[in-house]
Amino acid sequence: MDRTLDKIHIAVASGSIRHRKYLQNMMQGIGLKIVINEPLSEQFFRKLDSASPDVVLLDIDESTHDDSVLLDRLLDDVDIPIIFNDVSALTHDQQGEQSRWYAKLLLKIAELTGRPEWEALDVSKVLADTVSGKVVKARPANVSQDLARNVWVLGASLGGPEMLKQFLMAVPEDLPVAFILAQHLGENFMALLAEQLDRMTSFSVMPAEQGHVLCHQQVVVVPVDQRLRINPIGAIELQALEKPTRYVPSIDLVAADIGLRYQEKAGMIVFSGMGDDAAVGAKRMREVGAQVWAQEARSCVISAMPDNLRLRGLVNVSATPLEMAEMLSTYYSSERRLNY
């Protein structure tokens, strides 16, 4: 079978975001194309016909749930070759184990797609760009990892993820700002949100981690069940919530804490959403001299949350996500000229 690497299409069925991202990085690193990359589900089966993959990789490890209906359907109804992918090596942070696991997987794909020459491939370059399944994002040479001095809270609810994508895609890669993202969303979707946004922007998007030192050109996603604070040396501290909040994560709580820590060098942007979260936080921001911006109503999916701030007279700027990205760049260009 005469095929080039970029003509081999892979469908990945995995319940692990980490494994899916690892496989995406590995496969694309040598020119393979992953056409489906999601958990085994009804949606996965619906995509199979249109995607026409050459091989299906099904993640198997000791924690795999035995969904007999979907598994039987995959085995009985799908004519595409299936590789049962033992990902146990990925649970260990040992480069040698990962290398052997990946080489073995390539040989399986080679056998099924008629590419025995893959046996000679050097996978060390691909592995060098991957650390414990996490993609190491290449940064432009002119962008430095400066300790965050300017920190803005991004608050969003219903309709927020799409608005955040538009905003972050338009933010300049050298903007001297770090973002703390408080998006109303279920706990199980937070890691996926960070992964999706990370692909859309030159900034590094990551879930909050205890002790991580916040730098410019980073976006940290606030967890739903912990309070995020930045300590005096710029490191993240995650603390237990003293009492339940009406919205999770609480934009009010995040904005109040960031405003208190960074004062007039803090800021806040409120995107599409329902409810009255963000009003108290915006008030705290304004009290310390920080900027509060809000998405204008016509571009929102639901404008109740930013409208609430406008009704209270708390908003400095109302604009679309794209306009706010451009205005933020202008804002810091002006501040730099004034030795901000």
C-alpha atoms as a PDB file:
ATOM      1  CA  MET A   1       0.000   0.000   0.000  1.00  0.00           C
ATOM      2  CA  ASP A   2       1.605   3.228  -1.207  1.00  0.00           C
ATOM      3  CA  ARG A   3       0.746   5.963   1.280  1.00  0.00           C
ATOM      4  CA  THR A   4       2.501   9.024   2.604  1.00  0.00           C
ATOM      5  CA  LEU A   5       2.397   9.913   6.260  1.00  0.00           C
ATOM      6  CA  ASP A   6       0.006  12.826   5.826  1.00  0.00           C
ATOM      7  CA  LYS A   7      -2.541  10.518   4.186  1.00  0.00           C
ATOM      8  CA  ILE A   8      -2.861   8.302   7.252  1.00  0.00           C
ATOM      9  CA  HIS A   9      -5.905   9.366   9.268  1.00  0.00           C
ATOM     10  CA  ILE A  10      -6.320   8.261  12.882  1.00  0.00           C
ATOM     11  CA  ALA A  11      -9.446   8.223  15.063  1.00  0.00           C
ATOM     12  CA  VAL A  12      -8.678   8.287  18.795  1.00  0.00           C
ATOM     13  CA  ALA A  13     -11.266   7.116  21.341  1.00  0.00           C
ATOM     14  CA  SER A  14     -10.111   8.033  24.830  1.00  0.00           C
ATOM     15  CA  GLY A  15     -11.782   9.224  28.011  1.00  0.00           C
ATOM     16  CA  SER A  16      -8.612  10.998  29.147  1.00  0.00           C
ATOM     17  CA  ILE A  17      -7.961  14.588  28.078  1.00  0.00           C
ATOM     18  CA  ARG A  18      -4.290  14.100  28.968  1.00  0.00           C
ATOM     19  CA  HIS A  19      -3.919  11.010  26.749  1.00  0.00           C
ATOM     20  CA  ARG A  20      -5.759  12.648  23.861  1.00  0.00           C
ATOM     21  CA  LYS A  21      -3.491  15.689  23.979  1.00  0.00           C
ATOM     22  CA  TYR A  22      -0.409  13.464  24.230  1.00  0.00           C
ATOM     23  CA  LEU A  23      -1.470  11.443  21.193  1.00  0.00           C
ATOM     24  CA  GLN A  24      -2.314  14.581  19.223  1.00  0.00           C
ATOM     25  CA  ASN A  25       1.163  15.964  19.824  1.00  0.00           C
ATOM     26  CA  MET A  26       2.921  12.697  19.084  1.00  0.00           C
ATOM     27  CA  MET A  27       1.065  11.858  15.903  1.00  0.00           C
ATOM     28  CA  GLN A  28       1.191  15.320  14.406  1.00  0.00           C
ATOM     29  CA  GLY A  29       4.893  15.491  15.221  1.00  0.00           C
ATOM     30  CA  ILE A  30       5.629  12.990  12.440  1.00  0.00           C
ATOM     31  CA  GLY A  31       2.922  14.093  10.023  1.00  0.00           C
ATOM     32  CA  LEU A  32       0.039  11.787  10.916  1.00  0.00           C
ATOM     33  CA  LYS A  33      -3.416  13.333  11.040  1.00  0.00           C
ATOM     34  CA  ILE A  34      -5.865  12.747  13.891  1.00  0.00           C
ATOM     35  CA  VAL A  35      -9.368  13.276  12.498  1.00  0.00           C
ATOM     36  CA  ILE A  36     -11.342  12.338  15.651  1.00  0.00           C
ATOM     37  CA  ASN A  37     -10.034  12.741  19.187  1.00  0.00           C
ATOM     38  CA  GLU A  38     -12.660  12.322  21.893  1.00  0.00           C
ATOM     39  CA  PRO A  39     -14.267   9.784  24.267  1.00  0.00           C
ATOM     40  CA  LEU A  40     -16.052   6.727  22.901  1.00  0.00           C
ATOM     41  CA  SER A  41     -19.639   7.918  22.613  1.00  0.00           C
ATOM     42  CA  GLU A  42     -22.608   8.226  20.252  1.00  0.00           C
ATOM     43  CA  GLN A  43     -20.996  11.372  18.861  1.00  0.00           C
ATOM     44  CA  PHE A  44     -17.793   9.438  18.134  1.00  0.00           C
ATOM     45  CA  PHE A  45     -19.749   6.925  16.036  1.00  0.00           C
ATOM     46  CA  ARG A  46     -21.580   9.690  14.170  1.00  0.00           C
ATOM     47  CA  LYS A  47     -18.251  11.213  13.146  1.00  0.00           C
ATOM     48  CA  LEU A  48     -16.699   7.960  11.928  1.00  0.00           C
ATOM     49  CA  ASP A  49     -18.489   7.878   8.570  1.00  0.00           C
ATOM     50  CA  SER A  50     -17.638  11.430   7.557  1.00  0.00           C
ATOM     51  CA  ALA A  51     -14.059  11.362   8.898  1.00  0.00           C
ATOM     52  CA  SER A  52     -13.154   8.071   7.171  1.00  0.00           C
ATOM     53  CA  PRO A  53     -10.144   7.201   9.377  1.00  0.00           C
ATOM     54  CA  ASP A  54      -7.717   4.418   8.444  1.00  0.00           C
ATOM     55  CA  VAL A  55      -7.248   3.239  12.044  1.00  0.00           C
ATOM     56  CA  VAL A  56      -9.105   3.543  15.338  1.00  0.00           C
ATOM     57  CA  LEU A  57      -7.027   3.789  18.517  1.00  0.00           C
ATOM     58  CA  LEU A  58      -9.009   2.794  21.617  1.00  0.00           C
ATOM     59  CA  ASP A  59      -7.355   3.794  24.904  1.00  0.00           C
ATOM     60  CA  ILE A  60      -7.221   0.947  27.406  1.00  0.00           C
ATOM     61  CA  ASP A  61      -5.807   1.124  30.933  1.00  0.00           C
ATOM     62  CA  GLU A  62      -6.638  -0.145  34.407  1.00  0.00           C
ATOM     63  CA  SER A  63      -9.152   2.650  34.961  1.00  0.00           C
ATOM     64  CA  THR A  64     -11.075   2.149  31.721  1.00  0.00           C
ATOM     65  CA  HIS A  65     -14.793   1.816  32.330  1.00  0.00           C
ATOM     66  CA  ASP A  66     -16.381  -1.236  30.746  1.00  0.00           C
ATOM     67  CA  ASP A  67     -19.144   0.264  28.615  1.00  0.00           C
ATOM     68  CA  SER A  68     -20.162  -3.019  27.037  1.00  0.00           C
ATOM     69  CA  VAL A  69     -22.774  -1.528  24.691  1.00  0.00           C
ATOM     70  CA  LEU A  70     -20.430   0.964  23.023  1.00  0.00           C
ATOM     71  CA  LEU A  71     -17.495  -1.439  23.024  1.00  0.00           C
ATOM     72  CA  ASP A  72     -19.552  -4.215  21.427  1.00  0.00           C
ATOM     73  CA  ARG A  73     -20.787  -1.762  18.841  1.00  0.00           C
ATOM     74  CA  LEU A  74     -17.225  -0.740  17.996  1.00  0.00           C
ATOM     75  CA  LEU A  75     -16.128  -4.353  17.611  1.00  0.00           C
ATOM     76  CA  ASP A  76     -19.189  -5.622  15.737  1.00  0.00           C
ATOM     77  CA  ASP A  77     -20.239  -2.712  13.518  1.00  0.00           C
ATOM     78  CA  VAL A  78     -17.028  -0.889  12.596  1.00  0.00           C
ATOM     79  CA  ASP A  79     -14.957  -2.299   9.736  1.00  0.00           C
ATOM     80  CA  ILE A  80     -11.987  -0.004  10.343  1.00  0.00           C
ATOM     81  CA  PRO A  81      -8.934  -1.714  11.935  1.00  0.00           C
ATOM     82  CA  ILE A  82      -8.842  -1.173  15.711  1.00  0.00           C
ATOM     83  CA  ILE A  83      -5.740  -0.899  17.895  1.00  0.00           C
ATOM     84  CA  PHE A  84      -6.320  -1.465  21.580  1.00  0.00           C
ATOM     85  CA  ASN A  85      -3.963   1.132  22.920  1.00  0.00           C
ATOM     86  CA  ASP A  86      -2.291   0.255  26.241  1.00  0.00           C
ATOM     87  CA  VAL A  87      -1.529   3.678  27.734  1.00  0.00           C
ATOM     88  CA  SER A  88      -0.183   2.453  31.057  1.00  0.00           C
ATOM     89  CA  ALA A  89       3.280   3.745  30.122  1.00  0.00           C
ATOM     90  CA  LEU A  90       1.908   7.274  30.104  1.00  0.00           C
ATOM     91  CA  THR A  91       1.118   7.057  33.814  1.00  0.00           C
ATOM     92  CA  HIS A  92       4.843   7.038  34.547  1.00  0.00           C
ATOM     93  CA  ASP A  93       7.112  10.046  34.063  1.00  0.00           C
ATOM     94  CA  GLN A  94       9.877   7.911  32.565  1.00  0.00           C
ATOM     95  CA  GLN A  95      11.161   8.873  29.144  1.00  0.00           C
ATOM     96  CA  GLY A  96      12.337   5.356  28.313  1.00  0.00           C
ATOM     97  CA  GLU A  97       8.940   3.818  29.022  1.00  0.00           C
ATOM     98  CA  GLN A  98       7.187   6.434  26.915  1.00  0.00           C
ATOM     99  CA  SER A  99       9.606   5.911  24.034  1.00  0.00           C
ATOM    100  CA  ARG A 100       9.097   2.132  24.025  1.00  0.00           C
ATOM    101  CA  TRP A 101       5.327   2.579  24.264  1.00  0.00           C
ATOM    102  CA  TYR A 102       5.294   4.986  21.311  1.00  0.00           C
ATOM    103  CA  ALA A 103       7.567   2.852  19.148  1.00  0.00           C
ATOM    104  CA  LYS A 104       5.321  -0.155  19.765  1.00  0.00           C
ATOM    105  CA  LEU A 105       2.252   1.864  18.802  1.00  0.00           C
ATOM    106  CA  LEU A 106       3.906   3.057  15.583  1.00  0.00           C
ATOM    107  CA  LEU A 107       4.722  -0.526  14.619  1.00  0.00           C
ATOM    108  CA  LYS A 108       1.075  -1.489  15.077  1.00  0.00           C
ATOM    109  CA  ILE A 109      -0.027   1.377  12.834  1.00  0.00           C
ATOM    110  CA  ALA A 110       2.691   0.495  10.322  1.00  0.00           C
ATOM    111  CA  GLU A 111       1.455  -3.075  10.127  1.00  0.00           C
ATOM    112  CA  LEU A 112      -2.138  -2.016   9.511  1.00  0.00           C
ATOM    113  CA  THR A 113      -1.364   0.723   6.971  1.00  0.00           C
ATOM    114  CA  GLY A 114       1.473  -0.842   5.011  1.00  0.00           C
ATOM    115  CA  ARG A 115       4.297   1.369   6.261  1.00  0.00           C
ATOM    116  CA  PRO A 116       6.974  -1.014   7.625  1.00  0.00           C
ATOM    117  CA  GLU A 117       9.641   1.664   7.042  1.00  0.00           C
ATOM    118  CA  TRP A 118       8.352   3.411  10.181  1.00  0.00           C
ATOM    119  CA  GLU A 119      10.434   0.956  12.142  1.00  0.00           C
ATOM    120  CA  ALA A 120      13.432   3.149  11.334  1.00  0.00           C
ATOM    121  CA  LEU A 121      11.802   6.374  12.516  1.00  0.00           C
ATOM    122  CA  ASP A 122      13.556   8.309  15.274  1.00  0.00           C
ATOM    123  CA  VAL A 123      10.846   9.365  17.721  1.00  0.00           C
ATOM    124  CA  SER A 124      13.219  11.158  20.090  1.00  0.00           C
ATOM    125  CA  LYS A 125      12.514  14.559  18.539  1.00  0.00           C
ATOM    126  CA  VAL A 126       8.779  14.196  19.073  1.00  0.00           C
ATOM    127  CA  LEU A 127       9.275  12.923  22.609  1.00  0.00           C
ATOM    128  CA  ALA A 128      11.586  15.803  23.431  1.00  0.00           C
ATOM    129  CA  ASP A 129       8.713  18.229  22.858  1.00  0.00           C
ATOM    130  CA  THR A 130       6.413  16.363  25.221  1.00  0.00           C
ATOM    131  CA  VAL A 131       6.659  16.292  29.017  1.00  0.00           C
ATOM    132  CA  SER A 132       4.433  13.821  30.872  1.00  0.00           C
ATOM    133  CA  GLY A 133       1.777  14.098  28.174  1.00  0.00           C
ATOM    134  CA  LYS A 134       1.638  17.900  28.214  1.00  0.00           C
ATOM    135  CA  VAL A 135       2.517  19.887  25.118  1.00  0.00           C
ATOM    136  CA  VAL A 136       5.409  22.270  25.648  1.00  0.00           C
ATOM    137  CA  LYS A 137       4.291  25.322  23.757  1.00  0.00           C
ATOM    138  CA  ALA A 138       6.852  27.107  21.621  1.00  0.00           C
ATOM    139  CA  ARG A 139       7.027  30.794  22.489  1.00  0.00           C
ATOM    140  CA  PRO A 140       8.094  33.561  20.104  1.00  0.00           C
ATOM    141  CA  ALA A 141      11.673  34.639  20.651  1.00  0.00           C
ATOM    142  CA  ASN A 142      10.644  38.208  21.478  1.00  0.00           C
ATOM    143  CA  VAL A 143       8.294  37.182  24.309  1.00  0.00           C
ATOM    144  CA  SER A 144       9.815  36.985  27.783  1.00  0.00           C
ATOM    145  CA  GLN A 145       8.473  35.269  30.881  1.00  0.00           C
ATOM    146  CA  ASP A 146       8.189  38.363  33.082  1.00  0.00           C
ATOM    147  CA  LEU A 147       6.662  38.100  36.524  1.00  0.00           C
ATOM    148  CA  ALA A 148       3.083  39.336  36.181  1.00  0.00           C
ATOM    149  CA  ARG A 149       2.622  42.977  37.184  1.00  0.00           C
ATOM    150  CA  ASN A 150      -0.585  43.631  35.273  1.00  0.00           C
ATOM    151  CA  VAL A 151      -3.305  41.078  36.015  1.00  0.00           C
ATOM    152  CA  TRP A 152      -6.812  41.110  34.580  1.00  0.00           C
ATOM    153  CA  VAL A 153      -9.744  38.927  35.584  1.00  0.00           C
ATOM    154  CA  LEU A 154     -11.807  37.502  32.731  1.00  0.00           C
ATOM    155  CA  GLY A 155     -15.325  36.709  33.945  1.00  0.00           C
ATOM    156  CA  ALA A 156     -17.806  34.757  31.817  1.00  0.00           C
ATOM    157  CA  SER A 157     -20.894  32.589  32.043  1.00  0.00           C
ATOM    158  CA  LEU A 158     -23.393  31.381  29.417  1.00  0.00           C
ATOM    159  CA  GLY A 159     -21.918  31.986  25.957  1.00  0.00           C
ATOM    160  CA  GLY A 160     -18.562  32.860  27.476  1.00  0.00           C
ATOM    161  CA  PRO A 161     -16.253  30.215  25.952  1.00  0.00           C
ATOM    162  CA  GLU A 162     -16.851  31.379  22.381  1.00  0.00           C
ATOM    163  CA  MET A 163     -16.408  35.026  23.377  1.00  0.00           C
ATOM    164  CA  LEU A 164     -13.188  34.158  25.210  1.00  0.00           C
ATOM    165  CA  LYS A 165     -11.848  32.423  22.102  1.00  0.00           C
ATOM    166  CA  GLN A 166     -12.498  35.517  20.009  1.00  0.00           C
ATOM    167  CA  PHE A 167     -10.831  37.748  22.586  1.00  0.00           C
ATOM    168  CA  LEU A 168      -7.758  35.593  23.229  1.00  0.00           C
ATOM    169  CA  MET A 169      -7.129  34.935  19.543  1.00  0.00           C
ATOM    170  CA  ALA A 170      -6.924  38.697  18.993  1.00  0.00           C
ATOM    171  CA  VAL A 171      -4.698  39.492  21.989  1.00  0.00           C
ATOM    172  CA  PRO A 172      -1.117  40.372  20.877  1.00  0.00           C
ATOM    173  CA  GLU A 173       1.470  37.773  21.850  1.00  0.00           C
ATOM    174  CA  ASP A 174       3.682  40.339  23.618  1.00  0.00           C
ATOM    175  CA  LEU A 175       0.949  41.995  25.708  1.00  0.00           C
ATOM    176  CA  PRO A 176       2.375  42.607  29.221  1.00  0.00           C
ATOM    177  CA  VAL A 177      -0.636  41.087  30.986  1.00  0.00           C
ATOM    178  CA  ALA A 178      -1.631  37.875  32.759  1.00  0.00           C
ATOM    179  CA  PHE A 179      -5.260  36.768  32.826  1.00  0.00           C
ATOM    180  CA  ILE A 180      -7.151  34.958  35.575  1.00  0.00           C
ATOM    181  CA  LEU A 181     -10.175  33.257  34.007  1.00  0.00           C
ATOM    182  CA  ALA A 182     -13.332  32.675  36.069  1.00  0.00           C
ATOM    183  CA  GLN A 183     -15.797  30.890  33.765  1.00  0.00           C
ATOM    184  CA  HIS A 184     -19.037  29.439  35.143  1.00  0.00           C
ATOM    185  CA  LEU A 185     -18.699  25.809  34.076  1.00  0.00           C
ATOM    186  CA  GLY A 186     -18.872  22.327  35.554  1.00  0.00           C
ATOM    187  CA  GLU A 187     -15.741  20.982  37.206  1.00  0.00           C
ATOM    188  CA  ASN A 188     -15.356  18.186  34.659  1.00  0.00           C
ATOM    189  CA  PHE A 189     -15.087  20.677  31.795  1.00  0.00           C
ATOM    190  CA  MET A 190     -12.440  23.022  33.209  1.00  0.00           C
ATOM    191  CA  ALA A 191      -9.436  21.087  31.898  1.00  0.00           C
ATOM    192  CA  LEU A 192     -11.071  20.777  28.485  1.00  0.00           C
ATOM    193  CA  LEU A 193     -11.749  24.526  28.410  1.00  0.00           C
ATOM    194  CA  ALA A 194      -8.087  25.242  29.181  1.00  0.00           C
ATOM    195  CA  GLU A 195      -6.976  22.801  26.474  1.00  0.00           C
ATOM    196  CA  GLN A 196      -9.244  24.340  23.830  1.00  0.00           C
ATOM    197  CA  LEU A 197      -8.304  27.925  24.644  1.00  0.00           C
ATOM    198  CA  ASP A 198      -4.608  27.019  24.707  1.00  0.00           C
ATOM    199  CA  ARG A 199      -4.860  26.022  21.057  1.00  0.00           C
ATOM    200  CA  MET A 200      -6.444  29.345  20.132  1.00  0.00           C
ATOM    201  CA  THR A 201      -3.964  31.840  21.557  1.00  0.00           C
ATOM    202  CA  SER A 202      -0.252  32.575  21.739  1.00  0.00           C
ATOM    203  CA  PHE A 203      -0.712  32.905  25.509  1.00  0.00           C
ATOM    204  CA  SER A 204      -0.237  29.772  27.643  1.00  0.00           C
ATOM    205  CA  VAL A 205      -3.576  28.629  29.088  1.00  0.00           C
ATOM    206  CA  MET A 206      -3.476  26.314  32.099  1.00  0.00           C
ATOM    207  CA  PRO A 207      -5.551  25.131  35.059  1.00  0.00           C
ATOM    208  CA  ALA A 208      -4.512  26.774  38.329  1.00  0.00           C
ATOM    209  CA  GLU A 209      -1.726  24.942  40.177  1.00  0.00           C
ATOM    210  CA  GLN A 210      -0.564  25.506  43.731  1.00  0.00           C
ATOM    211  CA  GLY A 211       2.764  27.370  43.794  1.00  0.00           C
ATOM    212  CA  HIS A 212       2.798  28.303  40.103  1.00  0.00           C
ATOM    213  CA  VAL A 213       4.452  31.709  39.648  1.00  0.00           C
ATOM    214  CA  LEU A 214       2.184  33.870  37.516  1.00  0.00           C
ATOM    215  CA  CYS A 215       3.863  35.484  34.498  1.00  0.00           C
ATOM    216  CA  HIS A 216       2.766  37.745  31.687  1.00  0.00           C
ATOM    217  CA  GLN A 217       1.336  36.007  28.606  1.00  0.00           C
ATOM    218  CA  GLN A 218      -0.383  33.382  30.762  1.00  0.00           C
ATOM    219  CA  VAL A 219      -4.056  32.562  31.350  1.00  0.00           C
ATOM    220  CA  VAL A 220      -4.859  30.676  34.559  1.00  0.00           C
ATOM    221  CA  VAL A 221      -8.261  28.961  34.832  1.00  0.00           C
ATOM    222  CA  VAL A 222      -9.814  29.219  38.302  1.00  0.00           C
ATOM    223  CA  PRO A 223     -11.061  25.919  39.818  1.00  0.00           C
ATOM    224  CA  VAL A 224     -14.689  25.657  40.880  1.00  0.00           C
ATOM    225  CA  ASP A 225     -14.024  24.307  44.366  1.00  0.00           C
ATOM    226  CA  GLN A 226     -11.092  26.422  45.588  1.00  0.00           C
ATOM    227  CA  ARG A 227     -10.255  30.059  46.191  1.00  0.00           C
ATOM    228  CA  LEU A 228      -7.392  31.431  44.087  1.00  0.00           C
ATOM    229  CA  ARG A 229      -5.087  34.070  45.524  1.00  0.00           C
ATOM    230  CA  ILE A 230      -1.703  35.409  44.405  1.00  0.00           C
ATOM    231  CA  ASN A 231       0.770  35.716  47.276  1.00  0.00           C
ATOM    232  CA  PRO A 232       3.296  38.583  47.701  1.00  0.00           C
ATOM    233  CA  ILE A 233       5.970  36.825  45.624  1.00  0.00           C
ATOM    234  CA  GLY A 234       3.577  36.212  42.725  1.00  0.00           C
ATOM    235  CA  ALA A 235       2.785  32.526  43.306  1.00  0.00           C
ATOM    236  CA  ILE A 236      -0.682  30.976  43.194  1.00  0.00           C
ATOM    237  CA  GLU A 237      -2.224  29.850  46.466  1.00  0.00           C
ATOM    238  CA  LEU A 238      -5.278  27.600  46.294  1.00  0.00           C
ATOM    239  CA  GLN A 239      -7.357  27.595  49.467  1.00  0.00           C
ATOM    240  CA  ALA A 240     -10.518  25.865  50.605  1.00  0.00           C
ATOM    241  CA  LEU A 241     -13.656  27.963  50.217  1.00  0.00           C
ATOM    242  CA  GLU A 242     -14.770  29.248  53.600  1.00  0.00           C
ATOM    243  CA  LYS A 243     -18.407  29.026  52.542  1.00  0.00           C
ATOM    244  CA  PRO A 244     -20.296  27.974  49.409  1.00  0.00           C
ATOM    245  CA  THR A 245     -20.751  30.617  46.712  1.00  0.00           C
ATOM    246  CA  ARG A 246     -23.840  31.036  44.573  1.00  0.00           C
ATOM    247  CA  TYR A 247     -21.833  30.794  41.358  1.00  0.00           C
ATOM    248  CA  VAL A 248     -18.791  28.602  40.749  1.00  0.00           C
ATOM    249  CA  PRO A 249     -16.213  29.773  40.346  1.00  0.00           C
ATOM    250  CA  SER A 250     -17.245  33.088  41.888  1.00  0.00           C
ATOM    251  CA  ILE A 251     -16.221  36.002  39.665  1.00  0.00           C
ATOM    252  CA  ASP A 252     -16.938  38.330  42.589  1.00  0.00           C
ATOM    253  CA  LEU A 253     -14.479  36.504  44.839  1.00  0.00           C
ATOM    254  CA  VAL A 254     -11.743  36.258  42.203  1.00  0.00           C
ATOM    255  CA  ALA A 255     -12.051  39.924  41.218  1.00  0.00           C
ATOM    256  CA  ALA A 256     -12.020  41.124  44.826  1.00  0.00           C
ATOM    257  CA  ASP A 257      -8.870  39.113  45.596  1.00  0.00           C
ATOM    258  CA  ILE A 258      -7.014  40.166  42.423  1.00  0.00           C
ATOM    259  CA  GLY A 259      -8.037  43.797  42.879  1.00  0.00           C
ATOM    260  CA  LEU A 260      -6.790  43.790  46.463  1.00  0.00           C
ATOM    261  CA  ARG A 261      -3.474  42.229  45.407  1.00  0.00           C
ATOM    262  CA  TYR A 262      -2.696  44.322  42.295  1.00  0.00           C
ATOM    263  CA  GLN A 263      -4.674  47.529  42.979  1.00  0.00           C
ATOM    264  CA  GLU A 264      -4.679  49.921  39.989  1.00  0.00           C
ATOM    265  CA  LYS A 265      -2.584  47.460  37.933  1.00  0.00           C
ATOM    266  CA  ALA A 266      -5.463  44.993  38.034  1.00  0.00           C
ATOM    267  CA  GLY A 267      -8.364  44.979  35.606  1.00  0.00           C
ATOM    268  CA  MET A 268     -11.527  43.082  34.819  1.00  0.00           C
ATOM    269  CA  ILE A 269     -13.396  42.132  31.654  1.00  0.00           C
ATOM    270  CA  VAL A 270     -16.892  40.654  31.902  1.00  0.00           C
ATOM    271  CA  PHE A 271     -18.199  38.683  28.936  1.00  0.00           C
ATOM    272  CA  SER A 272     -21.531  37.095  28.030  1.00  0.00           C
ATOM    273  CA  GLY A 273     -23.529  35.537  30.852  1.00  0.00           C
ATOM    274  CA  MET A 274     -26.607  35.337  33.037  1.00  0.00           C
ATOM    275  CA  GLY A 275     -27.041  36.327  36.667  1.00  0.00           C
ATOM    276  CA  ASP A 276     -25.548  39.022  38.879  1.00  0.00           C
ATOM    277  CA  ASP A 277     -22.105  37.562  39.549  1.00  0.00           C
ATOM    278  CA  ALA A 278     -19.253  40.072  38.922  1.00  0.00           C
ATOM    279  CA  ALA A 279     -21.119  43.115  40.317  1.00  0.00           C
ATOM    280  CA  VAL A 280     -19.490  43.008  43.760  1.00  0.00           C
ATOM    281  CA  GLY A 281     -16.103  42.192  42.231  1.00  0.00           C
ATOM    282  CA  ALA A 282     -16.397  45.066  39.761  1.00  0.00           C
ATOM    283  CA  LYS A 283     -17.192  47.452  42.603  1.00  0.00           C
ATOM    284  CA  ARG A 284     -14.070  46.304  44.476  1.00  0.00           C
ATOM    285  CA  MET A 285     -12.013  46.792  41.314  1.00  0.00           C
ATOM    286  CA  ARG A 286     -13.235  50.332  40.833  1.00  0.00           C
ATOM    287  CA  GLU A 287     -12.538  51.140  44.491  1.00  0.00           C
ATOM    288  CA  VAL A 288      -8.819  50.364  44.035  1.00  0.00           C
ATOM    289  CA  GLY A 289      -8.554  52.326  40.794  1.00  0.00           C
ATOM    290  CA  ALA A 290      -8.680  49.351  38.403  1.00  0.00           C
ATOM    291  CA  GLN A 291     -10.366  49.254  35.002  1.00  0.00           C
ATOM    292  CA  VAL A 292     -13.672  47.387  34.458  1.00  0.00           C
ATOM    293  CA  TRP A 293     -14.651  46.555  30.885  1.00  0.00           C
ATOM    294  CA  ALA A 294     -17.763  44.708  29.702  1.00  0.00           C
ATOM    295  CA  GLN A 295     -18.886  43.071  26.491  1.00  0.00           C
ATOM    296  CA  GLU A 296     -21.432  45.183  24.659  1.00  0.00           C
ATOM    297  CA  ALA A 297     -24.937  43.696  24.631  1.00  0.00           C
ATOM    298  CA  ARG A 298     -25.465  42.986  20.919  1.00  0.00           C
ATOM    299  CA  SER A 299     -22.455  40.677  20.645  1.00  0.00           C
ATOM    300  CA  CYS A 300     -23.397  38.631  23.757  1.00  0.00           C
ATOM    301  CA  VAL A 301     -25.252  35.328  23.758  1.00  0.00           C
ATOM    302  CA  ILE A 302     -26.821  36.535  27.027  1.00  0.00           C
ATOM    303  CA  SER A 303     -26.070  40.105  28.094  1.00  0.00           C
ATOM    304  CA  ALA A 304     -27.558  40.038  31.623  1.00  0.00           C
ATOM    305  CA  MET A 305     -24.234  39.896  33.467  1.00  0.00           C
ATOM    306  CA  PRO A 306     -22.441  42.763  31.668  1.00  0.00           C
ATOM    307  CA  ASP A 307     -25.713  44.748  31.519  1.00  0.00           C
ATOM    308  CA  ASN A 308     -25.949  44.515  35.303  1.00  0.00           C
ATOM    309  CA  LEU A 309     -22.551  46.209  35.624  1.00  0.00           C
ATOM    310  CA  ARG A 310     -23.565  48.959  33.242  1.00  0.00           C
ATOM    311  CA  LEU A 311     -26.763  49.630  35.183  1.00  0.00           C
ATOM    312  CA  ARG A 312     -24.661  50.090  38.323  1.00  0.00           C
ATOM    313  CA  GLY A 313     -22.312  52.530  36.619  1.00  0.00           C
ATOM    314  CA  LEU A 314     -19.281  50.269  37.094  1.00  0.00           C
ATOM    315  CA  VAL A 315     -18.066  49.967  33.486  1.00  0.00           C
ATOM    316  CA  ASN A 316     -15.244  52.020  31.942  1.00  0.00           C
ATOM    317  CA  VAL A 317     -15.510  50.446  28.473  1.00  0.00           C
ATOM    318  CA  SER A 318     -18.206  48.532  26.562  1.00  0.00           C
ATOM    319  CA  ALA A 319     -17.130  46.803  23.334  1.00  0.00           C
ATOM    320  CA  THR A 320     -17.020  43.500  21.450  1.00  0.00           C
ATOM    321  CA  PRO A 321     -14.400  40.862  22.376  1.00  0.00           C
ATOM    322  CA  LEU A 322     -12.281  41.753  19.327  1.00  0.00           C
ATOM    323  CA  GLU A 323     -12.490  45.469  20.048  1.00  0.00           C
ATOM    324  CA  MET A 324     -11.498  44.941  23.681  1.00  0.00           C
ATOM    325  CA  ALA A 325      -8.433  42.931  22.632  1.00  0.00           C
ATOM    326  CA  GLU A 326      -7.348  45.794  20.362  1.00  0.00           C
ATOM    327  CA  MET A 327      -8.105  48.401  23.034  1.00  0.00           C
ATOM    328  CA  LEU A 328      -6.108  46.489  25.634  1.00  0.00           C
ATOM    329  CA  SER A 329      -3.104  46.538  23.322  1.00  0.00           C
ATOM    330  CA  THR A 330      -3.488  50.289  22.828  1.00  0.00           C
ATOM    331  CA  TYR A 331      -3.965  50.773  26.565  1.00  0.00           C
ATOM    332  CA  TYR A 332      -0.627  49.146  27.408  1.00  0.00           C
ATOM    333  CA  SER A 333       1.183  50.757  24.499  1.00  0.00           C
ATOM    334  CA  SER A 334       0.174  54.111  25.958  1.00  0.00           C
ATOM    335  CA  GLU A 335       1.129  53.020  29.463  1.00  0.00           C
ATOM    336  CA  ARG A 336       4.564  51.861  28.289  1.00  0.00           C
ATOM    337  CA  ARG A 337       5.210  55.253  26.734  1.00  0.00           C
ATOM    338  CA  LEU A 338       4.433  56.746  30.141  1.00  0.00           C
ATOM    339  CA  ASN A 339       6.804  54.237  31.857  1.00  0.00           C
ATOM    340  CA  TYR A 340       3.851  52.411  33.346  1.00  0.00           C
END
